[in-house]
Amino acid sequence: MDKEKRDVNLKRLQIIYTIIAGVVMGIFTLLNYLLYEKTNTELTNNLKIENELRPREFENNLKLTLYKEVKEAIGQKDTTMQNATLLVVNEMLDRDSVFRGKLINILLQSTNSRKLIETQQKLDVFQEGEVSIIPDKFTIDVFYLEDILKEAEPRADAVCSLIRSMYPKYIIRKRLLPKSINARIGYQIDFNQIRYDIGTEEAQIAKNILSEIKNNEIFQKEQPILKGINNNTKNYLSIFIRNM
């Protein structure tokens, strides 16, 4: 009888132990899950914060570096270095007009201010032309290169007059292409050319203009080349004039 009772009690103890072990395991699993979720959330938040801070840190470092370059350029009174620094400031801070303007104003106080002001004015005029294009109006820009002004500008005038007679309802603009802009990727013009978007009506307009340019003998040595590009600039065509 005692043996039976012991067996029954043992079975009860085993059942109780199993239940307790299950509960403990469940609690342990839940705690692990909660700890994982907390850790994962913290990691996610930390990564988010880090990803938000990195661009700001880079931007702040860039501004500090450019500021130091500006101070050094003025301190050395090196006109070549000052001009190069001005171009770098315009290029690297194209989206931060406030800080860019402050650094430019500092540079323009240098001994080379007249030349720097002239360079900056050319850049400003070019930029104004870029943002003033009217999407609903067909625009043709005739660029003449700064490095060959004597050859390029008179031909730009002739091309503009010719195109206005062909397309009186279009906006025709003669624009200077500064050396610093032409050095950028996407420009680097080293021959006369007419650029148009591939697969658009601009292709036929470009062909018509080239044909009339040849008929009017505007260029004696180097005729413009048609150059199709994928620029997706609706109702816009550009002509680049470098030499004869």
C-alpha atoms as a PDB file:
ATOM      1  CA  MET A   1       0.000   0.000   0.000  1.00  0.00           C
ATOM      2  CA  ASP A   2       2.808   2.322   0.952  1.00  0.00           C
ATOM      3  CA  LYS A   3       4.512   1.430  -2.283  1.00  0.00           C
ATOM      4  CA  GLU A   4       1.411   2.349  -4.290  1.00  0.00           C
ATOM      5  CA  LYS A   5       1.177   5.674  -2.487  1.00  0.00           C
ATOM      6  CA  ARG A   6       4.837   6.361  -3.177  1.00  0.00           C
ATOM      7  CA  ASP A   7       4.312   5.551  -6.863  1.00  0.00           C
ATOM      8  CA  VAL A   8       1.303   7.861  -7.029  1.00  0.00           C
ATOM      9  CA  ASN A   9       3.161  10.653  -5.269  1.00  0.00           C
ATOM     10  CA  LEU A  10       6.131  10.147  -7.552  1.00  0.00           C
ATOM     11  CA  LYS A  11       3.912  10.410 -10.626  1.00  0.00           C
ATOM     12  CA  ARG A  12       2.342  13.567  -9.200  1.00  0.00           C
ATOM     13  CA  LEU A  13       5.770  15.028  -8.559  1.00  0.00           C
ATOM     14  CA  GLN A  14       6.811  14.148 -12.098  1.00  0.00           C
ATOM     15  CA  ILE A  15       3.703  15.828 -13.500  1.00  0.00           C
ATOM     16  CA  ILE A  16       4.228  18.897 -11.335  1.00  0.00           C
ATOM     17  CA  TYR A  17       7.885  19.028 -12.344  1.00  0.00           C
ATOM     18  CA  THR A  18       6.952  18.742 -16.023  1.00  0.00           C
ATOM     19  CA  ILE A  19       4.410  21.547 -15.634  1.00  0.00           C
ATOM     20  CA  ILE A  20       6.878  23.754 -13.772  1.00  0.00           C
ATOM     21  CA  ALA A  21       9.619  23.004 -16.289  1.00  0.00           C
ATOM     22  CA  GLY A  22       7.239  23.920 -19.111  1.00  0.00           C
ATOM     23  CA  VAL A  23       6.254  27.159 -17.419  1.00  0.00           C
ATOM     24  CA  VAL A  24       9.883  28.050 -16.726  1.00  0.00           C
ATOM     25  CA  MET A  25      10.848  27.265 -20.319  1.00  0.00           C
ATOM     26  CA  GLY A  26       7.943  29.378 -21.569  1.00  0.00           C
ATOM     27  CA  ILE A  27       8.974  32.289 -19.355  1.00  0.00           C
ATOM     28  CA  PHE A  28      12.582  31.900 -20.455  1.00  0.00           C
ATOM     29  CA  THR A  29      11.528  31.848 -24.124  1.00  0.00           C
ATOM     30  CA  LEU A  30       9.344  34.926 -23.622  1.00  0.00           C
ATOM     31  CA  LEU A  31      12.163  36.781 -21.864  1.00  0.00           C
ATOM     32  CA  ASN A  32      14.558  35.875 -24.660  1.00  0.00           C
ATOM     33  CA  TYR A  33      12.048  37.100 -27.238  1.00  0.00           C
ATOM     34  CA  LEU A  34      11.469  40.373 -25.387  1.00  0.00           C
ATOM     35  CA  LEU A  35      15.225  40.863 -24.996  1.00  0.00           C
ATOM     36  CA  TYR A  36      15.728  40.148 -28.713  1.00  0.00           C
ATOM     37  CA  GLU A  37      13.001  42.620 -29.660  1.00  0.00           C
ATOM     38  CA  LYS A  38      14.461  45.273 -27.388  1.00  0.00           C
ATOM     39  CA  THR A  39      17.967  44.713 -28.731  1.00  0.00           C
ATOM     40  CA  ASN A  40      16.749  44.646 -32.328  1.00  0.00           C
ATOM     41  CA  THR A  41      14.755  47.861 -31.817  1.00  0.00           C
ATOM     42  CA  GLU A  42      17.761  49.564 -30.243  1.00  0.00           C
ATOM     43  CA  LEU A  43      20.004  48.460 -33.098  1.00  0.00           C
ATOM     44  CA  THR A  44      17.468  49.655 -35.667  1.00  0.00           C
ATOM     45  CA  ASN A  45      17.133  53.013 -33.926  1.00  0.00           C
ATOM     46  CA  ASN A  46      20.902  53.355 -33.620  1.00  0.00           C
ATOM     47  CA  LEU A  47      21.368  52.568 -37.316  1.00  0.00           C
ATOM     48  CA  LYS A  48      18.645  55.043 -38.229  1.00  0.00           C
ATOM     49  CA  ILE A  49      20.257  57.747 -36.120  1.00  0.00           C
ATOM     50  CA  GLU A  50      23.683  56.906 -37.554  1.00  0.00           C
ATOM     51  CA  ASN A  51      22.351  57.038 -41.125  1.00  0.00           C
ATOM     52  CA  GLU A  52      20.800  60.418 -40.398  1.00  0.00           C
ATOM     53  CA  LEU A  53      23.939  61.777 -38.793  1.00  0.00           C
ATOM     54  CA  ARG A  54      26.418  60.601 -41.437  1.00  0.00           C
ATOM     55  CA  PRO A  55      25.244  62.981 -44.210  1.00  0.00           C
ATOM     56  CA  ARG A  56      25.193  65.858 -41.723  1.00  0.00           C
ATOM     57  CA  GLU A  57      28.671  64.981 -40.528  1.00  0.00           C
ATOM     58  CA  PHE A  58      29.927  64.793 -44.105  1.00  0.00           C
ATOM     59  CA  GLU A  59      28.279  68.105 -44.936  1.00  0.00           C
ATOM     60  CA  ASN A  60      29.747  69.796 -41.864  1.00  0.00           C
ATOM     61  CA  ASN A  61      33.208  68.406 -42.615  1.00  0.00           C
ATOM     62  CA  LEU A  62      32.906  69.590 -46.217  1.00  0.00           C
ATOM     63  CA  LYS A  63      31.935  73.094 -45.130  1.00  0.00           C
ATOM     64  CA  LEU A  64      34.780  73.249 -42.636  1.00  0.00           C
ATOM     65  CA  THR A  65      37.283  72.042 -45.244  1.00  0.00           C
ATOM     66  CA  LEU A  66      36.093  74.583 -47.810  1.00  0.00           C
ATOM     67  CA  TYR A  67      36.216  77.364 -45.240  1.00  0.00           C
ATOM     68  CA  LYS A  68      39.833  76.462 -44.453  1.00  0.00           C
ATOM     69  CA  GLU A  69      40.630  76.404 -48.195  1.00  0.00           C
ATOM     70  CA  VAL A  70      39.125  79.871 -48.614  1.00  0.00           C
ATOM     71  CA  LYS A  71      41.149  81.262 -45.690  1.00  0.00           C
ATOM     72  CA  GLU A  72      44.324  79.690 -47.027  1.00  0.00           C
ATOM     73  CA  ALA A  73      43.705  80.996 -50.539  1.00  0.00           C
ATOM     74  CA  ILE A  74      43.264  84.556 -49.269  1.00  0.00           C
ATOM     75  CA  GLY A  75      46.232  84.289 -46.929  1.00  0.00           C
ATOM     76  CA  GLN A  76      48.609  83.167 -49.669  1.00  0.00           C
ATOM     77  CA  LYS A  77      47.442  85.899 -52.079  1.00  0.00           C
ATOM     78  CA  ASP A  78      47.852  83.395 -54.911  1.00  0.00           C
ATOM     79  CA  THR A  79      45.492  84.494 -57.704  1.00  0.00           C
ATOM     80  CA  THR A  80      45.513  81.077 -59.372  1.00  0.00           C
ATOM     81  CA  MET A  81      44.672  79.327 -56.119  1.00  0.00           C
ATOM     82  CA  GLN A  82      41.967  81.877 -55.303  1.00  0.00           C
ATOM     83  CA  ASN A  83      40.320  81.352 -58.668  1.00  0.00           C
ATOM     84  CA  ALA A  84      40.489  77.558 -58.293  1.00  0.00           C
ATOM     85  CA  THR A  85      39.028  77.793 -54.785  1.00  0.00           C
ATOM     86  CA  LEU A  86      36.163  79.927 -56.097  1.00  0.00           C
ATOM     87  CA  LEU A  87      35.329  77.268 -58.687  1.00  0.00           C
ATOM     88  CA  VAL A  88      35.479  74.496 -56.078  1.00  0.00           C
ATOM     89  CA  VAL A  89      33.139  76.407 -53.746  1.00  0.00           C
ATOM     90  CA  ASN A  90      30.622  76.876 -56.572  1.00  0.00           C
ATOM     91  CA  GLU A  91      30.814  73.229 -57.552  1.00  0.00           C
ATOM     92  CA  MET A  92      30.732  71.595 -54.120  1.00  0.00           C
ATOM     93  CA  LEU A  93      28.100  73.861 -52.571  1.00  0.00           C
ATOM     94  CA  ASP A  94      25.711  74.104 -55.510  1.00  0.00           C
ATOM     95  CA  ARG A  95      22.801  73.066 -53.238  1.00  0.00           C
ATOM     96  CA  ASP A  96      23.665  75.300 -50.310  1.00  0.00           C
ATOM     97  CA  SER A  97      23.299  78.813 -51.664  1.00  0.00           C
ATOM     98  CA  VAL A  98      23.547  80.474 -48.231  1.00  0.00           C
ATOM     99  CA  PHE A  99      26.913  79.036 -47.174  1.00  0.00           C
ATOM    100  CA  ARG A 100      28.218  79.212 -50.746  1.00  0.00           C
ATOM    101  CA  GLY A 101      27.378  82.903 -50.858  1.00  0.00           C
ATOM    102  CA  LYS A 102      29.185  83.542 -47.573  1.00  0.00           C
ATOM    103  CA  LEU A 103      32.387  81.856 -48.757  1.00  0.00           C
ATOM    104  CA  ILE A 104      32.227  83.642 -52.103  1.00  0.00           C
ATOM    105  CA  ASN A 105      31.828  86.999 -50.361  1.00  0.00           C
ATOM    106  CA  ILE A 106      34.947  86.231 -48.301  1.00  0.00           C
ATOM    107  CA  LEU A 107      36.924  85.369 -51.429  1.00  0.00           C
ATOM    108  CA  LEU A 108      35.770  88.505 -53.204  1.00  0.00           C
ATOM    109  CA  GLN A 109      37.457  90.598 -50.507  1.00  0.00           C
ATOM    110  CA  SER A 110      40.868  89.395 -51.678  1.00  0.00           C
ATOM    111  CA  THR A 111      43.447  91.359 -53.654  1.00  0.00           C
ATOM    112  CA  ASN A 112      42.327  89.450 -56.760  1.00  0.00           C
ATOM    113  CA  SER A 113      38.727  90.583 -56.323  1.00  0.00           C
ATOM    114  CA  ARG A 114      38.262  92.125 -59.789  1.00  0.00           C
ATOM    115  CA  LYS A 115      39.142  88.916 -61.601  1.00  0.00           C
ATOM    116  CA  LEU A 116      37.187  86.766 -59.144  1.00  0.00           C
ATOM    117  CA  ILE A 117      34.103  88.965 -59.472  1.00  0.00           C
ATOM    118  CA  GLU A 118      34.305  88.635 -63.240  1.00  0.00           C
ATOM    119  CA  THR A 119      34.531  84.828 -62.981  1.00  0.00           C
ATOM    120  CA  GLN A 120      31.662  84.654 -60.493  1.00  0.00           C
ATOM    121  CA  GLN A 121      29.437  86.843 -62.653  1.00  0.00           C
ATOM    122  CA  LYS A 122      29.933  84.488 -65.595  1.00  0.00           C
ATOM    123  CA  LEU A 123      29.006  81.509 -63.419  1.00  0.00           C
ATOM    124  CA  ASP A 124      25.934  83.298 -62.049  1.00  0.00           C
ATOM    125  CA  VAL A 125      24.719  84.294 -65.511  1.00  0.00           C
ATOM    126  CA  PHE A 126      25.141  80.737 -66.758  1.00  0.00           C
ATOM    127  CA  GLN A 127      23.252  79.315 -63.765  1.00  0.00           C
ATOM    128  CA  GLU A 128      20.416  81.804 -64.214  1.00  0.00           C
ATOM    129  CA  GLY A 129      20.099  80.648 -67.801  1.00  0.00           C
ATOM    130  CA  GLU A 130      19.862  77.024 -66.679  1.00  0.00           C
ATOM    131  CA  VAL A 131      16.933  77.618 -64.318  1.00  0.00           C
ATOM    132  CA  SER A 132      15.016  80.102 -66.488  1.00  0.00           C
ATOM    133  CA  ILE A 133      14.033  77.679 -69.265  1.00  0.00           C
ATOM    134  CA  ILE A 134      10.264  77.724 -69.878  1.00  0.00           C
ATOM    135  CA  PRO A 135       9.056  74.093 -70.339  1.00  0.00           C
ATOM    136  CA  ASP A 136       6.089  74.997 -72.586  1.00  0.00           C
ATOM    137  CA  LYS A 137       8.222  77.107 -74.928  1.00  0.00           C
ATOM    138  CA  PHE A 138      10.655  75.528 -77.352  1.00  0.00           C
ATOM    139  CA  THR A 139      14.065  76.930 -76.469  1.00  0.00           C
ATOM    140  CA  ILE A 140      17.286  76.842 -78.459  1.00  0.00           C
ATOM    141  CA  ASP A 141      20.475  77.881 -76.680  1.00  0.00           C
ATOM    142  CA  VAL A 142      23.448  78.884 -78.795  1.00  0.00           C
ATOM    143  CA  PHE A 143      26.578  78.598 -76.653  1.00  0.00           C
ATOM    144  CA  TYR A 144      29.903  80.166 -77.594  1.00  0.00           C
ATOM    145  CA  LEU A 145      33.062  79.082 -75.806  1.00  0.00           C
ATOM    146  CA  GLU A 146      34.907  81.538 -73.596  1.00  0.00           C
ATOM    147  CA  ASP A 147      38.346  80.269 -74.573  1.00  0.00           C
ATOM    148  CA  ILE A 148      37.855  81.201 -78.248  1.00  0.00           C
ATOM    149  CA  LEU A 149      35.683  84.306 -78.003  1.00  0.00           C
ATOM    150  CA  LYS A 150      36.930  86.076 -81.139  1.00  0.00           C
ATOM    151  CA  GLU A 151      36.052  83.125 -83.338  1.00  0.00           C
ATOM    152  CA  ALA A 152      33.017  81.790 -81.506  1.00  0.00           C
ATOM    153  CA  GLU A 153      30.910  84.847 -80.616  1.00  0.00           C
ATOM    154  CA  PRO A 154      30.469  86.329 -84.144  1.00  0.00           C
ATOM    155  CA  ARG A 155      29.325  82.928 -85.404  1.00  0.00           C
ATOM    156  CA  ALA A 156      26.987  82.579 -82.447  1.00  0.00           C
ATOM    157  CA  ASP A 157      25.399  85.902 -83.472  1.00  0.00           C
ATOM    158  CA  ALA A 158      25.020  84.670 -87.053  1.00  0.00           C
ATOM    159  CA  VAL A 159      23.507  81.337 -85.953  1.00  0.00           C
ATOM    160  CA  CYS A 160      21.048  83.070 -83.630  1.00  0.00           C
ATOM    161  CA  SER A 161      19.869  85.395 -86.410  1.00  0.00           C
ATOM    162  CA  LEU A 162      19.485  82.457 -88.782  1.00  0.00           C
ATOM    163  CA  ILE A 163      17.446  80.365 -86.322  1.00  0.00           C
ATOM    164  CA  ARG A 164      15.189  83.304 -85.419  1.00  0.00           C
ATOM    165  CA  SER A 165      14.292  83.647 -89.090  1.00  0.00           C
ATOM    166  CA  MET A 166      13.550  79.892 -89.273  1.00  0.00           C
ATOM    167  CA  TYR A 167      11.623  79.594 -86.008  1.00  0.00           C
ATOM    168  CA  PRO A 168      10.274  83.032 -85.023  1.00  0.00           C
ATOM    169  CA  LYS A 169       8.058  81.586 -82.272  1.00  0.00           C
ATOM    170  CA  TYR A 170      10.909  79.809 -80.503  1.00  0.00           C
ATOM    171  CA  ILE A 171      13.024  81.284 -77.720  1.00  0.00           C
ATOM    172  CA  ILE A 172      16.541  81.730 -79.092  1.00  0.00           C
ATOM    173  CA  ARG A 173      19.267  82.617 -76.584  1.00  0.00           C
ATOM    174  CA  LYS A 174      22.950  83.378 -77.120  1.00  0.00           C
ATOM    175  CA  ARG A 175      24.875  82.207 -74.061  1.00  0.00           C
ATOM    176  CA  LEU A 176      28.497  82.241 -72.980  1.00  0.00           C
ATOM    177  CA  LEU A 177      29.934  78.851 -71.970  1.00  0.00           C
ATOM    178  CA  PRO A 178      32.559  79.673 -69.286  1.00  0.00           C
ATOM    179  CA  LYS A 179      35.764  77.654 -69.201  1.00  0.00           C
ATOM    180  CA  SER A 180      34.950  76.311 -65.747  1.00  0.00           C
ATOM    181  CA  ILE A 181      31.559  75.022 -66.909  1.00  0.00           C
ATOM    182  CA  ASN A 182      32.994  73.461 -70.046  1.00  0.00           C
ATOM    183  CA  ALA A 183      35.439  71.518 -67.864  1.00  0.00           C
ATOM    184  CA  ARG A 184      32.552  69.655 -66.234  1.00  0.00           C
ATOM    185  CA  ILE A 185      31.487  66.161 -67.261  1.00  0.00           C
ATOM    186  CA  GLY A 186      28.646  66.468 -69.722  1.00  0.00           C
ATOM    187  CA  TYR A 187      30.143  69.440 -71.509  1.00  0.00           C
ATOM    188  CA  GLN A 188      33.840  69.310 -72.449  1.00  0.00           C
ATOM    189  CA  ILE A 189      33.064  70.763 -75.872  1.00  0.00           C
ATOM    190  CA  ASP A 190      35.983  70.477 -78.277  1.00  0.00           C
ATOM    191  CA  PHE A 191      34.151  70.771 -81.611  1.00  0.00           C
ATOM    192  CA  ASN A 192      31.112  72.562 -83.064  1.00  0.00           C
ATOM    193  CA  GLN A 193      27.989  70.539 -82.387  1.00  0.00           C
ATOM    194  CA  ILE A 194      24.204  70.521 -82.179  1.00  0.00           C
ATOM    195  CA  ARG A 195      22.752  68.437 -79.347  1.00  0.00           C
ATOM    196  CA  TYR A 196      19.240  67.050 -79.350  1.00  0.00           C
ATOM    197  CA  ASP A 197      17.286  64.413 -77.435  1.00  0.00           C
ATOM    198  CA  ILE A 198      17.172  61.076 -79.248  1.00  0.00           C
ATOM    199  CA  GLY A 199      13.711  59.942 -80.356  1.00  0.00           C
ATOM    200  CA  THR A 200      12.083  63.383 -80.272  1.00  0.00           C
ATOM    201  CA  GLU A 201      11.065  66.064 -82.775  1.00  0.00           C
ATOM    202  CA  GLU A 202      14.279  67.855 -81.828  1.00  0.00           C
ATOM    203  CA  ALA A 203      16.186  65.547 -84.193  1.00  0.00           C
ATOM    204  CA  GLN A 204      14.469  66.958 -87.273  1.00  0.00           C
ATOM    205  CA  ILE A 205      14.811  70.531 -86.046  1.00  0.00           C
ATOM    206  CA  ALA A 206      18.534  69.948 -85.493  1.00  0.00           C
ATOM    207  CA  LYS A 207      18.883  68.585 -89.041  1.00  0.00           C
ATOM    208  CA  ASN A 208      17.031  71.588 -90.464  1.00  0.00           C
ATOM    209  CA  ILE A 209      19.259  74.028 -88.588  1.00  0.00           C
ATOM    210  CA  LEU A 210      22.442  72.239 -89.657  1.00  0.00           C
ATOM    211  CA  SER A 211      21.298  72.297 -93.279  1.00  0.00           C
ATOM    212  CA  GLU A 212      20.673  76.056 -93.183  1.00  0.00           C
ATOM    213  CA  ILE A 213      23.960  76.703 -91.399  1.00  0.00           C
ATOM    214  CA  LYS A 214      25.765  74.939 -94.249  1.00  0.00           C
ATOM    215  CA  ASN A 215      23.729  76.762 -96.907  1.00  0.00           C
ATOM    216  CA  ASN A 216      24.586  80.128 -95.350  1.00  0.00           C
ATOM    217  CA  GLU A 217      28.290  79.210 -95.060  1.00  0.00           C
ATOM    218  CA  ILE A 218      28.570  80.415 -91.460  1.00  0.00           C
ATOM    219  CA  PHE A 219      31.484  78.036 -90.848  1.00  0.00           C
ATOM    220  CA  GLN A 220      34.378  77.842 -93.285  1.00  0.00           C
ATOM    221  CA  LYS A 221      36.458  75.058 -91.769  1.00  0.00           C
ATOM    222  CA  GLU A 222      34.515  72.963 -89.286  1.00  0.00           C
ATOM    223  CA  GLN A 223      30.803  72.310 -89.747  1.00  0.00           C
ATOM    224  CA  PRO A 224      28.785  71.446 -86.624  1.00  0.00           C
ATOM    225  CA  ILE A 225      28.161  67.761 -85.900  1.00  0.00           C
ATOM    226  CA  LEU A 226      24.742  66.405 -84.907  1.00  0.00           C
ATOM    227  CA  LYS A 227      24.918  64.694 -81.530  1.00  0.00           C
ATOM    228  CA  GLY A 228      21.936  62.794 -80.138  1.00  0.00           C
ATOM    229  CA  ILE A 229      21.838  62.453 -76.350  1.00  0.00           C
ATOM    230  CA  ASN A 230      19.504  61.031 -73.707  1.00  0.00           C
ATOM    231  CA  ASN A 231      18.993  64.131 -71.612  1.00  0.00           C
ATOM    232  CA  ASN A 232      15.175  64.222 -71.402  1.00  0.00           C
ATOM    233  CA  THR A 233      15.015  68.011 -71.709  1.00  0.00           C
ATOM    234  CA  LYS A 234      11.650  68.572 -73.346  1.00  0.00           C
ATOM    235  CA  ASN A 235      11.404  71.301 -75.996  1.00  0.00           C
ATOM    236  CA  TYR A 236      15.079  72.155 -75.756  1.00  0.00           C
ATOM    237  CA  LEU A 237      17.969  72.080 -78.188  1.00  0.00           C
ATOM    238  CA  SER A 238      21.542  73.293 -77.686  1.00  0.00           C
ATOM    239  CA  ILE A 239      24.180  74.406 -80.140  1.00  0.00           C
ATOM    240  CA  PHE A 240      27.842  74.733 -79.164  1.00  0.00           C
ATOM    241  CA  ILE A 241      30.154  76.944 -81.196  1.00  0.00           C
ATOM    242  CA  ARG A 242      33.874  76.633 -80.702  1.00  0.00           C
ATOM    243  CA  ASN A 243      35.666  77.786 -83.839  1.00  0.00           C
ATOM    244  CA  MET A 244      35.463  78.426 -87.588  1.00  0.00           C
END
